[in-house]
Amino acid sequence: MVEGLVLPPEVVLTDQSADAEWAAGLRGLVTRSAADGKTVRVSVEERALTPVQAAELLGVSRATVQRRIEDGTITAITRGSRHHITESEIRRYRQAARLDLARYLADDF
C-alpha cells in the first residue's frame, strides 16, 4: 500500500513557519516510512483543472473553454474522455488574451 501526503500550494504558502501542520505531516510520513525501511520519493506536479474550474478562473463559460480546447487556443491534457488544463496553461492563455485585447485597442488610438 502506498501512503501519501498531498500538499496544495495554498496550504504551504499560507503558513511559512517551520512548525506548520503540513510540515509536521510530511515529517511524520518520512519518519514512519524510514522506520519501515521504505524509500521516500518526493515529487512535484502541476495541478490540472477541469474545464468548469478553468472557466471560473477565466470568467467565461465552460462552453467557451471547451471551444478554445477544440480550436487549439487552450492546450488540454486528455485523460479518458475528459479534459484537464494545467494552471500554467491558464496563465499563458490569460496573458495571450490580454495581449490580443491590447493590440485590438491600440488600433483605436
PDB file of N, CA and C in Angstrom:
ATOM      1  N   MET A   1       0.834  -1.179   0.000  1.00  0.00           N
ATOM      2  CA  MET A   1       0.000   0.000   0.000  1.00  0.00           C
ATOM      3  C   MET A   1       0.884   1.249   0.000  1.00  0.00           C
ATOM      4  N   VAL A   2       0.532   2.222  -0.820  1.00  0.00           N
ATOM      5  CA  VAL A   2       1.286   3.464  -0.907  1.00  0.00           C
ATOM      6  C   VAL A   2       0.623   4.500  -0.010  1.00  0.00           C
ATOM      7  N   GLU A   3       1.412   5.057   0.871  1.00  0.00           N
ATOM      8  CA  GLU A   3       0.919   6.125   1.729  1.00  0.00           C
ATOM      9  C   GLU A   3       1.395   7.429   1.130  1.00  0.00           C
ATOM     10  N   GLY A   4       0.567   8.435   1.162  1.00  0.00           N
ATOM     11  CA  GLY A   4       0.964   9.691   0.562  1.00  0.00           C
ATOM     12  C   GLY A   4       0.417  10.878   1.303  1.00  0.00           C
ATOM     13  N   LEU A   5       0.936  12.019   0.992  1.00  0.00           N
ATOM     14  CA  LEU A   5       0.521  13.283   1.565  1.00  0.00           C
ATOM     15  C   LEU A   5       0.493  14.286   0.429  1.00  0.00           C
ATOM     16  N   VAL A   6      -0.649  14.895   0.182  1.00  0.00           N
ATOM     17  CA  VAL A   6      -0.791  15.873  -0.891  1.00  0.00           C
ATOM     18  C   VAL A   6      -0.814  17.264  -0.269  1.00  0.00           C
ATOM     19  N   LEU A   7       0.057  18.128  -0.735  1.00  0.00           N
ATOM     20  CA  LEU A   7       0.169  19.484  -0.204  1.00  0.00           C
ATOM     21  C   LEU A   7      -0.110  20.496  -1.301  1.00  0.00           C
ATOM     22  N   PRO A   8      -1.331  21.010  -1.385  1.00  0.00           N
ATOM     23  CA  PRO A   8      -1.615  22.043  -2.388  1.00  0.00           C
ATOM     24  C   PRO A   8      -0.884  23.340  -2.044  1.00  0.00           C
ATOM     25  N   PRO A   9      -0.566  24.157  -3.034  1.00  0.00           N
ATOM     26  CA  PRO A   9       0.229  25.362  -2.789  1.00  0.00           C
ATOM     27  C   PRO A   9      -0.381  26.284  -1.741  1.00  0.00           C
ATOM     28  N   GLU A  10      -1.700  26.410  -1.735  1.00  0.00           N
ATOM     29  CA  GLU A  10      -2.312  27.344  -0.791  1.00  0.00           C
ATOM     30  C   GLU A  10      -2.077  26.937   0.661  1.00  0.00           C
ATOM     31  N   VAL A  11      -1.887  25.637   0.909  1.00  0.00           N
ATOM     32  CA  VAL A  11      -1.610  25.166   2.264  1.00  0.00           C
ATOM     33  C   VAL A  11      -0.185  25.531   2.659  1.00  0.00           C
ATOM     34  N   VAL A  12       0.745  25.300   1.765  1.00  0.00           N
ATOM     35  CA  VAL A  12       2.156  25.554   2.059  1.00  0.00           C
ATOM     36  C   VAL A  12       2.437  27.052   2.158  1.00  0.00           C
ATOM     37  N   LEU A  13       1.851  27.831   1.269  1.00  0.00           N
ATOM     38  CA  LEU A  13       2.176  29.257   1.199  1.00  0.00           C
ATOM     39  C   LEU A  13       1.485  30.107   2.256  1.00  0.00           C
ATOM     40  N   THR A  14       0.463  29.592   2.920  1.00  0.00           N
ATOM     41  CA  THR A  14      -0.256  30.408   3.893  1.00  0.00           C
ATOM     42  C   THR A  14       0.435  30.459   5.243  1.00  0.00           C
ATOM     43  N   ASP A  15       1.243  29.470   5.576  1.00  0.00           N
ATOM     44  CA  ASP A  15       1.920  29.455   6.868  1.00  0.00           C
ATOM     45  C   ASP A  15       3.383  29.091   6.648  1.00  0.00           C
ATOM     46  N   GLN A  16       4.252  30.068   6.759  1.00  0.00           N
ATOM     47  CA  GLN A  16       5.663  29.865   6.469  1.00  0.00           C
ATOM     48  C   GLN A  16       6.459  29.325   7.663  1.00  0.00           C
ATOM     49  N   SER A  17       5.825  29.124   8.808  1.00  0.00           N
ATOM     50  CA  SER A  17       6.572  28.685   9.986  1.00  0.00           C
ATOM     51  C   SER A  17       7.054  27.256   9.825  1.00  0.00           C
ATOM     52  N   ALA A  18       8.176  26.941  10.480  1.00  0.00           N
ATOM     53  CA  ALA A  18       8.746  25.598  10.410  1.00  0.00           C
ATOM     54  C   ALA A  18       7.854  24.586  11.110  1.00  0.00           C
ATOM     55  N   ASP A  19       6.988  25.047  11.994  1.00  0.00           N
ATOM     56  CA  ASP A  19       6.104  24.151  12.738  1.00  0.00           C
ATOM     57  C   ASP A  19       4.719  24.062  12.120  1.00  0.00           C
ATOM     58  N   ALA A  20       4.577  24.434  10.864  1.00  0.00           N
ATOM     59  CA  ALA A  20       3.274  24.374  10.201  1.00  0.00           C
ATOM     60  C   ALA A  20       2.757  22.938  10.197  1.00  0.00           C
ATOM     61  N   GLU A  21       1.441  22.807  10.193  1.00  0.00           N
ATOM     62  CA  GLU A  21       0.815  21.480  10.224  1.00  0.00           C
ATOM     63  C   GLU A  21       1.266  20.613   9.050  1.00  0.00           C
ATOM     64  N   TRP A  22       1.392  21.193   7.864  1.00  0.00           N
ATOM     65  CA  TRP A  22       1.798  20.413   6.695  1.00  0.00           C
ATOM     66  C   TRP A  22       3.220  19.882   6.860  1.00  0.00           C
ATOM     67  N   ALA A  23       4.093  20.702   7.481  1.00  0.00           N
ATOM     68  CA  ALA A  23       5.482  20.263   7.675  1.00  0.00           C
ATOM     69  C   ALA A  23       5.536  19.100   8.660  1.00  0.00           C
ATOM     70  N   ALA A  24       4.716  19.174   9.703  1.00  0.00           N
ATOM     71  CA  ALA A  24       4.663  18.081  10.673  1.00  0.00           C
ATOM     72  C   ALA A  24       4.137  16.808  10.016  1.00  0.00           C
ATOM     73  N   GLY A  25       3.133  16.934   9.152  1.00  0.00           N
ATOM     74  CA  GLY A  25       2.597  15.776   8.436  1.00  0.00           C
ATOM     75  C   GLY A  25       3.630  15.142   7.528  1.00  0.00           C
ATOM     76  N   LEU A  26       4.382  15.976   6.839  1.00  0.00           N
ATOM     77  CA  LEU A  26       5.428  15.473   5.950  1.00  0.00           C
ATOM     78  C   LEU A  26       6.535  14.794   6.755  1.00  0.00           C
ATOM     79  N   ARG A  27       6.944  15.430   7.827  1.00  0.00           N
ATOM     80  CA  ARG A  27       7.984  14.851   8.682  1.00  0.00           C
ATOM     81  C   ARG A  27       7.525  13.501   9.237  1.00  0.00           C
ATOM     82  N   GLY A  28       6.255  13.401   9.654  1.00  0.00           N
ATOM     83  CA  GLY A  28       5.716  12.142  10.179  1.00  0.00           C
ATOM     84  C   GLY A  28       5.705  11.045   9.129  1.00  0.00           C
ATOM     85  N   LEU A  29       5.296  11.389   7.917  1.00  0.00           N
ATOM     86  CA  LEU A  29       5.262  10.413   6.828  1.00  0.00           C
ATOM     87  C   LEU A  29       6.661   9.892   6.523  1.00  0.00           C
ATOM     88  N   VAL A  30       7.633  10.781   6.452  1.00  0.00           N
ATOM     89  CA  VAL A  30       9.009  10.378   6.152  1.00  0.00           C
ATOM     90  C   VAL A  30       9.560   9.516   7.287  1.00  0.00           C
ATOM     91  N   THR A  31       9.314   9.917   8.516  1.00  0.00           N
ATOM     92  CA  THR A  31       9.813   9.166   9.670  1.00  0.00           C
ATOM     93  C   THR A  31       9.217   7.764   9.730  1.00  0.00           C
ATOM     94  N   ARG A  32       7.897   7.647   9.560  1.00  0.00           N
ATOM     95  CA  ARG A  32       7.240   6.327   9.578  1.00  0.00           C
ATOM     96  C   ARG A  32       7.750   5.449   8.446  1.00  0.00           C
ATOM     97  N   SER A  33       7.916   6.032   7.281  1.00  0.00           N
ATOM     98  CA  SER A  33       8.378   5.264   6.125  1.00  0.00           C
ATOM     99  C   SER A  33       9.803   4.772   6.331  1.00  0.00           C
ATOM    100  N   ALA A  34      10.667   5.644   6.831  1.00  0.00           N
ATOM    101  CA  ALA A  34      12.056   5.256   7.082  1.00  0.00           C
ATOM    102  C   ALA A  34      12.128   4.155   8.136  1.00  0.00           C
ATOM    103  N   ALA A  35      11.291   4.260   9.159  1.00  0.00           N
ATOM    104  CA  ALA A  35      11.282   3.236  10.213  1.00  0.00           C
ATOM    105  C   ALA A  35      10.845   1.882   9.658  1.00  0.00           C
ATOM    106  N   ASP A  36      10.014   1.896   8.627  1.00  0.00           N
ATOM    107  CA  ASP A  36       9.566   0.656   7.983  1.00  0.00           C
ATOM    108  C   ASP A  36      10.546   0.184   6.910  1.00  0.00           C
ATOM    109  N   GLY A  37      11.668   0.887   6.743  1.00  0.00           N
ATOM    110  CA  GLY A  37      12.661   0.502   5.743  1.00  0.00           C
ATOM    111  C   GLY A  37      12.278   0.877   4.327  1.00  0.00           C
ATOM    112  N   LYS A  38      11.364   1.813   4.179  1.00  0.00           N
ATOM    113  CA  LYS A  38      10.905   2.228   2.851  1.00  0.00           C
ATOM    114  C   LYS A  38      11.692   3.435   2.361  1.00  0.00           C
ATOM    115  N   THR A  39      11.763   3.546   1.041  1.00  0.00           N
ATOM    116  CA  THR A  39      12.354   4.714   0.406  1.00  0.00           C
ATOM    117  C   THR A  39      11.254   5.748   0.230  1.00  0.00           C
ATOM    118  N   VAL A  40      11.589   6.986   0.474  1.00  0.00           N
ATOM    119  CA  VAL A  40      10.624   8.077   0.327  1.00  0.00           C
ATOM    120  C   VAL A  40      10.957   8.830  -0.950  1.00  0.00           C
ATOM    121  N   ARG A  41       9.957   9.019  -1.785  1.00  0.00           N
ATOM    122  CA  ARG A  41      10.122   9.771  -3.024  1.00  0.00           C
ATOM    123  C   ARG A  41       9.228  11.004  -2.953  1.00  0.00           C
ATOM    124  N   VAL A  42       9.813  12.165  -3.175  1.00  0.00           N
ATOM    125  CA  VAL A  42       9.060  13.412  -3.168  1.00  0.00           C
ATOM    126  C   VAL A  42       8.967  13.879  -4.620  1.00  0.00           C
ATOM    127  N   SER A  43       7.773  14.197  -5.061  1.00  0.00           N
ATOM    128  CA  SER A  43       7.618  14.682  -6.428  1.00  0.00           C
ATOM    129  C   SER A  43       6.733  15.921  -6.436  1.00  0.00           C
ATOM    130  N   VAL A  44       6.887  16.681  -7.462  1.00  0.00           N
ATOM    131  CA  VAL A  44       6.119  17.901  -7.641  1.00  0.00           C
ATOM    132  C   VAL A  44       5.335  17.754  -8.933  1.00  0.00           C
ATOM    133  N   GLU A  45       4.064  18.069  -8.879  1.00  0.00           N
ATOM    134  CA  GLU A  45       3.265  18.026 -10.099  1.00  0.00           C
ATOM    135  C   GLU A  45       2.400  19.272 -10.169  1.00  0.00           C
ATOM    136  N   GLU A  46       2.126  19.662 -11.361  1.00  0.00           N
ATOM    137  CA  GLU A  46       1.296  20.837 -11.560  1.00  0.00           C
ATOM    138  C   GLU A  46      -0.165  20.446 -11.475  1.00  0.00           C
ATOM    139  N   ARG A  47      -0.927  21.261 -10.787  1.00  0.00           N
ATOM    140  CA  ARG A  47      -2.348  20.989 -10.634  1.00  0.00           C
ATOM    141  C   ARG A  47      -3.050  21.190 -11.977  1.00  0.00           C
ATOM    142  N   ALA A  48      -3.948  20.281 -12.283  1.00  0.00           N
ATOM    143  CA  ALA A  48      -4.729  20.368 -13.512  1.00  0.00           C
ATOM    144  C   ALA A  48      -6.182  20.617 -13.143  1.00  0.00           C
ATOM    145  N   LEU A  49      -6.818  21.482 -13.899  1.00  0.00           N
ATOM    146  CA  LEU A  49      -8.191  21.890 -13.638  1.00  0.00           C
ATOM    147  C   LEU A  49      -9.136  21.318 -14.678  1.00  0.00           C
ATOM    148  N   THR A  50     -10.376  21.143 -14.291  1.00  0.00           N
ATOM    149  CA  THR A  50     -11.408  20.751 -15.240  1.00  0.00           C
ATOM    150  C   THR A  50     -11.801  21.982 -16.055  1.00  0.00           C
ATOM    151  N   PRO A  51     -12.477  21.795 -17.184  1.00  0.00           N
ATOM    152  CA  PRO A  51     -12.957  22.955 -17.935  1.00  0.00           C
ATOM    153  C   PRO A  51     -13.867  23.869 -17.108  1.00  0.00           C
ATOM    154  N   VAL A  52     -14.650  23.307 -16.215  1.00  0.00           N
ATOM    155  CA  VAL A  52     -15.520  24.123 -15.360  1.00  0.00           C
ATOM    156  C   VAL A  52     -14.674  24.997 -14.432  1.00  0.00           C
ATOM    157  N   GLN A  53     -13.656  24.413 -13.814  1.00  0.00           N
ATOM    158  CA  GLN A  53     -12.775  25.179 -12.929  1.00  0.00           C
ATOM    159  C   GLN A  53     -12.004  26.238 -13.711  1.00  0.00           C
ATOM    160  N   ALA A  54     -11.534  25.888 -14.899  1.00  0.00           N
ATOM    161  CA  ALA A  54     -10.808  26.849 -15.743  1.00  0.00           C
ATOM    162  C   ALA A  54     -11.726  28.004 -16.134  1.00  0.00           C
ATOM    163  N   ALA A  55     -12.966  27.690 -16.466  1.00  0.00           N
ATOM    164  CA  ALA A  55     -13.928  28.724 -16.840  1.00  0.00           C
ATOM    165  C   ALA A  55     -14.154  29.700 -15.689  1.00  0.00           C
ATOM    166  N   GLU A  56     -14.260  29.174 -14.477  1.00  0.00           N
ATOM    167  CA  GLU A  56     -14.444  30.042 -13.311  1.00  0.00           C
ATOM    168  C   GLU A  56     -13.254  30.979 -13.135  1.00  0.00           C
ATOM    169  N   LEU A  57     -12.039  30.461 -13.294  1.00  0.00           N
ATOM    170  CA  LEU A  57     -10.843  31.299 -13.166  1.00  0.00           C
ATOM    171  C   LEU A  57     -10.769  32.372 -14.248  1.00  0.00           C
ATOM    172  N   LEU A  58     -11.181  32.010 -15.453  1.00  0.00           N
ATOM    173  CA  LEU A  58     -11.092  32.932 -16.579  1.00  0.00           C
ATOM    174  C   LEU A  58     -12.280  33.871 -16.688  1.00  0.00           C
ATOM    175  N   GLY A  59     -13.361  33.555 -15.982  1.00  0.00           N
ATOM    176  CA  GLY A  59     -14.557  34.395 -16.055  1.00  0.00           C
ATOM    177  C   GLY A  59     -15.331  34.210 -17.347  1.00  0.00           C
ATOM    178  N   VAL A  60     -15.291  32.996 -17.878  1.00  0.00           N
ATOM    179  CA  VAL A  60     -16.037  32.668 -19.101  1.00  0.00           C
ATOM    180  C   VAL A  60     -16.859  31.407 -18.837  1.00  0.00           C
ATOM    181  N   SER A  61     -17.628  31.001 -19.813  1.00  0.00           N
ATOM    182  CA  SER A  61     -18.439  29.794 -19.648  1.00  0.00           C
ATOM    183  C   SER A  61     -17.610  28.534 -19.916  1.00  0.00           C
ATOM    184  N   ARG A  62     -18.103  27.407 -19.437  1.00  0.00           N
ATOM    185  CA  ARG A  62     -17.464  26.129 -19.711  1.00  0.00           C
ATOM    186  C   ARG A  62     -17.446  25.868 -21.207  1.00  0.00           C
ATOM    187  N   ALA A  63     -18.530  26.247 -21.891  1.00  0.00           N
ATOM    188  CA  ALA A  63     -18.611  26.044 -23.338  1.00  0.00           C
ATOM    189  C   ALA A  63     -17.508  26.827 -24.068  1.00  0.00           C
ATOM    190  N   THR A  64     -17.208  28.020 -23.582  1.00  0.00           N
ATOM    191  CA  THR A  64     -16.136  28.816 -24.191  1.00  0.00           C
ATOM    192  C   THR A  64     -14.795  28.111 -24.023  1.00  0.00           C
ATOM    193  N   VAL A  65     -14.542  27.599 -22.836  1.00  0.00           N
ATOM    194  CA  VAL A  65     -13.296  26.857 -22.602  1.00  0.00           C
ATOM    195  C   VAL A  65     -13.245  25.640 -23.515  1.00  0.00           C
ATOM    196  N   GLN A  66     -14.350  24.931 -23.630  1.00  0.00           N
ATOM    197  CA  GLN A  66     -14.403  23.748 -24.481  1.00  0.00           C
ATOM    198  C   GLN A  66     -14.109  24.106 -25.944  1.00  0.00           C
ATOM    199  N   ARG A  67     -14.674  25.220 -26.407  1.00  0.00           N
ATOM    200  CA  ARG A  67     -14.409  25.654 -27.794  1.00  0.00           C
ATOM    201  C   ARG A  67     -12.938  26.006 -27.981  1.00  0.00           C
ATOM    202  N   ARG A  68     -12.336  26.666 -26.993  1.00  0.00           N
ATOM    203  CA  ARG A  68     -10.922  27.027 -27.083  1.00  0.00           C
ATOM    204  C   ARG A  68     -10.034  25.786 -27.076  1.00  0.00           C
ATOM    205  N   ILE A  69     -10.439  24.754 -26.354  1.00  0.00           N
ATOM    206  CA  ILE A  69      -9.697  23.494 -26.381  1.00  0.00           C
ATOM    207  C   ILE A  69      -9.796  22.875 -27.772  1.00  0.00           C
ATOM    208  N   GLU A  70     -11.004  22.847 -28.319  1.00  0.00           N
ATOM    209  CA  GLU A  70     -11.220  22.231 -29.631  1.00  0.00           C
ATOM    210  C   GLU A  70     -10.512  22.975 -30.756  1.00  0.00           C
ATOM    211  N   ASP A  71     -10.419  24.324 -30.651  1.00  0.00           N
ATOM    212  CA  ASP A  71      -9.733  25.057 -31.723  1.00  0.00           C
ATOM    213  C   ASP A  71      -8.228  25.198 -31.481  1.00  0.00           C
ATOM    214  N   GLY A  72      -7.745  24.635 -30.354  1.00  0.00           N
ATOM    215  CA  GLY A  72      -6.316  24.624 -30.078  1.00  0.00           C
ATOM    216  C   GLY A  72      -5.786  25.861 -29.388  1.00  0.00           C
ATOM    217  N   THR A  73      -6.655  26.803 -29.054  1.00  0.00           N
ATOM    218  CA  THR A  73      -6.228  28.018 -28.370  1.00  0.00           C
ATOM    219  C   THR A  73      -5.792  27.720 -26.941  1.00  0.00           C
ATOM    220  N   ILE A  74      -6.471  26.769 -26.303  1.00  0.00           N
ATOM    221  CA  ILE A  74      -6.085  26.290 -24.979  1.00  0.00           C
ATOM    222  C   ILE A  74      -5.647  24.841 -25.135  1.00  0.00           C
ATOM    223  N   THR A  75      -4.475  24.529 -24.603  1.00  0.00           N
ATOM    224  CA  THR A  75      -3.967  23.162 -24.654  1.00  0.00           C
ATOM    225  C   THR A  75      -4.442  22.410 -23.419  1.00  0.00           C
ATOM    226  N   ALA A  76      -5.034  21.252 -23.641  1.00  0.00           N
ATOM    227  CA  ALA A  76      -5.541  20.437 -22.535  1.00  0.00           C
ATOM    228  C   ALA A  76      -4.937  19.046 -22.594  1.00  0.00           C
ATOM    229  N   ILE A  77      -4.872  18.434 -21.433  1.00  0.00           N
ATOM    230  CA  ILE A  77      -4.460  17.040 -21.309  1.00  0.00           C
ATOM    231  C   ILE A  77      -5.740  16.223 -21.318  1.00  0.00           C
ATOM    232  N   THR A  78      -5.776  15.163 -22.100  1.00  0.00           N
ATOM    233  CA  THR A  78      -6.972  14.320 -22.138  1.00  0.00           C
ATOM    234  C   THR A  78      -6.700  13.043 -21.372  1.00  0.00           C
ATOM    235  N   ARG A  79      -7.527  12.791 -20.380  1.00  0.00           N
ATOM    236  CA  ARG A  79      -7.473  11.551 -19.603  1.00  0.00           C
ATOM    237  C   ARG A  79      -8.801  10.851 -19.819  1.00  0.00           C
ATOM    238  N   GLY A  80      -8.754   9.762 -20.565  1.00  0.00           N
ATOM    239  CA  GLY A  80     -10.008   9.114 -20.949  1.00  0.00           C
ATOM    240  C   GLY A  80     -10.731  10.033 -21.913  1.00  0.00           C
ATOM    241  N   SER A  81     -11.949  10.394 -21.568  1.00  0.00           N
ATOM    242  CA  SER A  81     -12.706  11.322 -22.413  1.00  0.00           C
ATOM    243  C   SER A  81     -12.793  12.707 -21.780  1.00  0.00           C
ATOM    244  N   ARG A  82     -12.021  12.951 -20.740  1.00  0.00           N
ATOM    245  CA  ARG A  82     -12.103  14.223 -20.007  1.00  0.00           C
ATOM    246  C   ARG A  82     -10.852  15.074 -20.242  1.00  0.00           C
ATOM    247  N   HIS A  83     -11.094  16.378 -20.324  1.00  0.00           N
ATOM    248  CA  HIS A  83     -10.000  17.332 -20.499  1.00  0.00           C
ATOM    249  C   HIS A  83      -9.581  17.897 -19.153  1.00  0.00           C
ATOM    250  N   HIS A  84      -8.281  18.141 -19.025  1.00  0.00           N
ATOM    251  CA  HIS A  84      -7.716  18.801 -17.852  1.00  0.00           C
ATOM    252  C   HIS A  84      -6.736  19.849 -18.349  1.00  0.00           C
ATOM    253  N   ILE A  85      -6.751  21.012 -17.714  1.00  0.00           N
ATOM    254  CA  ILE A  85      -5.935  22.138 -18.143  1.00  0.00           C
ATOM    255  C   ILE A  85      -5.023  22.534 -16.988  1.00  0.00           C
ATOM    256  N   THR A  86      -3.733  22.602 -17.250  1.00  0.00           N
ATOM    257  CA  THR A  86      -2.796  22.961 -16.184  1.00  0.00           C
ATOM    258  C   THR A  86      -2.936  24.447 -15.842  1.00  0.00           C
ATOM    259  N   GLU A  87      -2.561  24.769 -14.619  1.00  0.00           N
ATOM    260  CA  GLU A  87      -2.638  26.162 -14.198  1.00  0.00           C
ATOM    261  C   GLU A  87      -1.699  27.051 -15.014  1.00  0.00           C
ATOM    262  N   SER A  88      -0.556  26.516 -15.421  1.00  0.00           N
ATOM    263  CA  SER A  88       0.356  27.322 -16.240  1.00  0.00           C
ATOM    264  C   SER A  88      -0.262  27.611 -17.609  1.00  0.00           C
ATOM    265  N   GLU A  89      -1.051  26.685 -18.132  1.00  0.00           N
ATOM    266  CA  GLU A  89      -1.740  26.924 -19.409  1.00  0.00           C
ATOM    267  C   GLU A  89      -2.808  28.006 -19.246  1.00  0.00           C
ATOM    268  N   ILE A  90      -3.485  28.010 -18.112  1.00  0.00           N
ATOM    269  CA  ILE A  90      -4.473  29.065 -17.847  1.00  0.00           C
ATOM    270  C   ILE A  90      -3.777  30.425 -17.799  1.00  0.00           C
ATOM    271  N   ARG A  91      -2.627  30.501 -17.111  1.00  0.00           N
ATOM    272  CA  ARG A  91      -1.878  31.760 -17.056  1.00  0.00           C
ATOM    273  C   ARG A  91      -1.417  32.181 -18.448  1.00  0.00           C
ATOM    274  N   ARG A  92      -0.915  31.221 -19.248  1.00  0.00           N
ATOM    275  CA  ARG A  92      -0.462  31.537 -20.606  1.00  0.00           C
ATOM    276  C   ARG A  92      -1.601  32.063 -21.464  1.00  0.00           C
ATOM    277  N   TYR A  93      -2.745  31.387 -21.397  1.00  0.00           N
ATOM    278  CA  TYR A  93      -3.906  31.801 -22.188  1.00  0.00           C
ATOM    279  C   TYR A  93      -4.382  33.190 -21.761  1.00  0.00           C
ATOM    280  N   ARG A  94      -4.443  33.427 -20.457  1.00  0.00           N
ATOM    281  CA  ARG A  94      -4.897  34.727 -19.944  1.00  0.00           C
ATOM    282  C   ARG A  94      -3.969  35.841 -20.439  1.00  0.00           C
ATOM    283  N   GLN A  95      -2.663  35.614 -20.392  1.00  0.00           N
ATOM    284  CA  GLN A  95      -1.701  36.611 -20.857  1.00  0.00           C
ATOM    285  C   GLN A  95      -1.850  36.857 -22.361  1.00  0.00           C
ATOM    286  N   ALA A  96      -2.013  35.786 -23.131  1.00  0.00           N
ATOM    287  CA  ALA A  96      -2.190  35.933 -24.582  1.00  0.00           C
ATOM    288  C   ALA A  96      -3.470  36.703 -24.894  1.00  0.00           C
ATOM    289  N   ALA A  97      -4.529  36.438 -24.151  1.00  0.00           N
ATOM    290  CA  ALA A  97      -5.798  37.144 -24.376  1.00  0.00           C
ATOM    291  C   ALA A  97      -5.647  38.630 -24.058  1.00  0.00           C
ATOM    292  N   ARG A  98      -4.904  38.945 -23.003  1.00  0.00           N
ATOM    293  CA  ARG A  98      -4.665  40.354 -22.660  1.00  0.00           C
ATOM    294  C   ARG A  98      -3.881  41.060 -23.758  1.00  0.00           C
ATOM    295  N   LEU A  99      -2.862  40.379 -24.288  1.00  0.00           N
ATOM    296  CA  LEU A  99      -2.063  40.980 -25.362  1.00  0.00           C
ATOM    297  C   LEU A  99      -2.908  41.190 -26.610  1.00  0.00           C
ATOM    298  N   ASP A 100      -3.752  40.220 -26.939  1.00  0.00           N
ATOM    299  CA  ASP A 100      -4.643  40.370 -28.098  1.00  0.00           C
ATOM    300  C   ASP A 100      -5.576  41.558 -27.915  1.00  0.00           C
ATOM    301  N   LEU A 101      -6.125  41.708 -26.714  1.00  0.00           N
ATOM    302  CA  LEU A 101      -7.023  42.823 -26.436  1.00  0.00           C
ATOM    303  C   LEU A 101      -6.270  44.146 -26.515  1.00  0.00           C
ATOM    304  N   ALA A 102      -5.054  44.194 -25.993  1.00  0.00           N
ATOM    305  CA  ALA A 102      -4.252  45.413 -26.050  1.00  0.00           C
ATOM    306  C   ALA A 102      -3.937  45.789 -27.501  1.00  0.00           C
ATOM    307  N   ARG A 103      -3.609  44.800 -28.329  1.00  0.00           N
ATOM    308  CA  ARG A 103      -3.346  45.078 -29.751  1.00  0.00           C
ATOM    309  C   ARG A 103      -4.592  45.591 -30.450  1.00  0.00           C
ATOM    310  N   TYR A 104      -5.728  45.015 -30.139  1.00  0.00           N
ATOM    311  CA  TYR A 104      -7.001  45.438 -30.735  1.00  0.00           C
ATOM    312  C   TYR A 104      -7.322  46.864 -30.335  1.00  0.00           C
ATOM    313  N   LEU A 105      -7.159  47.188 -29.054  1.00  0.00           N
ATOM    314  CA  LEU A 105      -7.465  48.525 -28.581  1.00  0.00           C
ATOM    315  C   LEU A 105      -6.444  49.548 -29.061  1.00  0.00           C
ATOM    316  N   ALA A 106      -5.199  49.135 -29.277  1.00  0.00           N
ATOM    317  CA  ALA A 106      -4.161  50.060 -29.742  1.00  0.00           C
ATOM    318  C   ALA A 106      -4.497  50.602 -31.121  1.00  0.00           C
ATOM    319  N   ASP A 107      -5.202  49.850 -31.917  1.00  0.00           N
ATOM    320  CA  ASP A 107      -5.593  50.297 -33.252  1.00  0.00           C
ATOM    321  C   ASP A 107      -6.542  51.498 -33.195  1.00  0.00           C
ATOM    322  N   ASP A 108      -7.249  51.650 -32.079  1.00  0.00           N
ATOM    323  CA  ASP A 108      -8.205  52.753 -31.935  1.00  0.00           C
ATOM    324  C   ASP A 108      -7.551  54.064 -31.534  1.00  0.00           C
ATOM    325  N   PHE A 109      -6.280  54.011 -31.134  1.00  0.00           N
ATOM    326  CA  PHE A 109      -5.642  55.235 -30.627  1.00  0.00           C
ATOM    327  C   PHE A 109      -4.548  55.708 -31.512  1.00  0.00           C
TER     328      PHE A 109
END
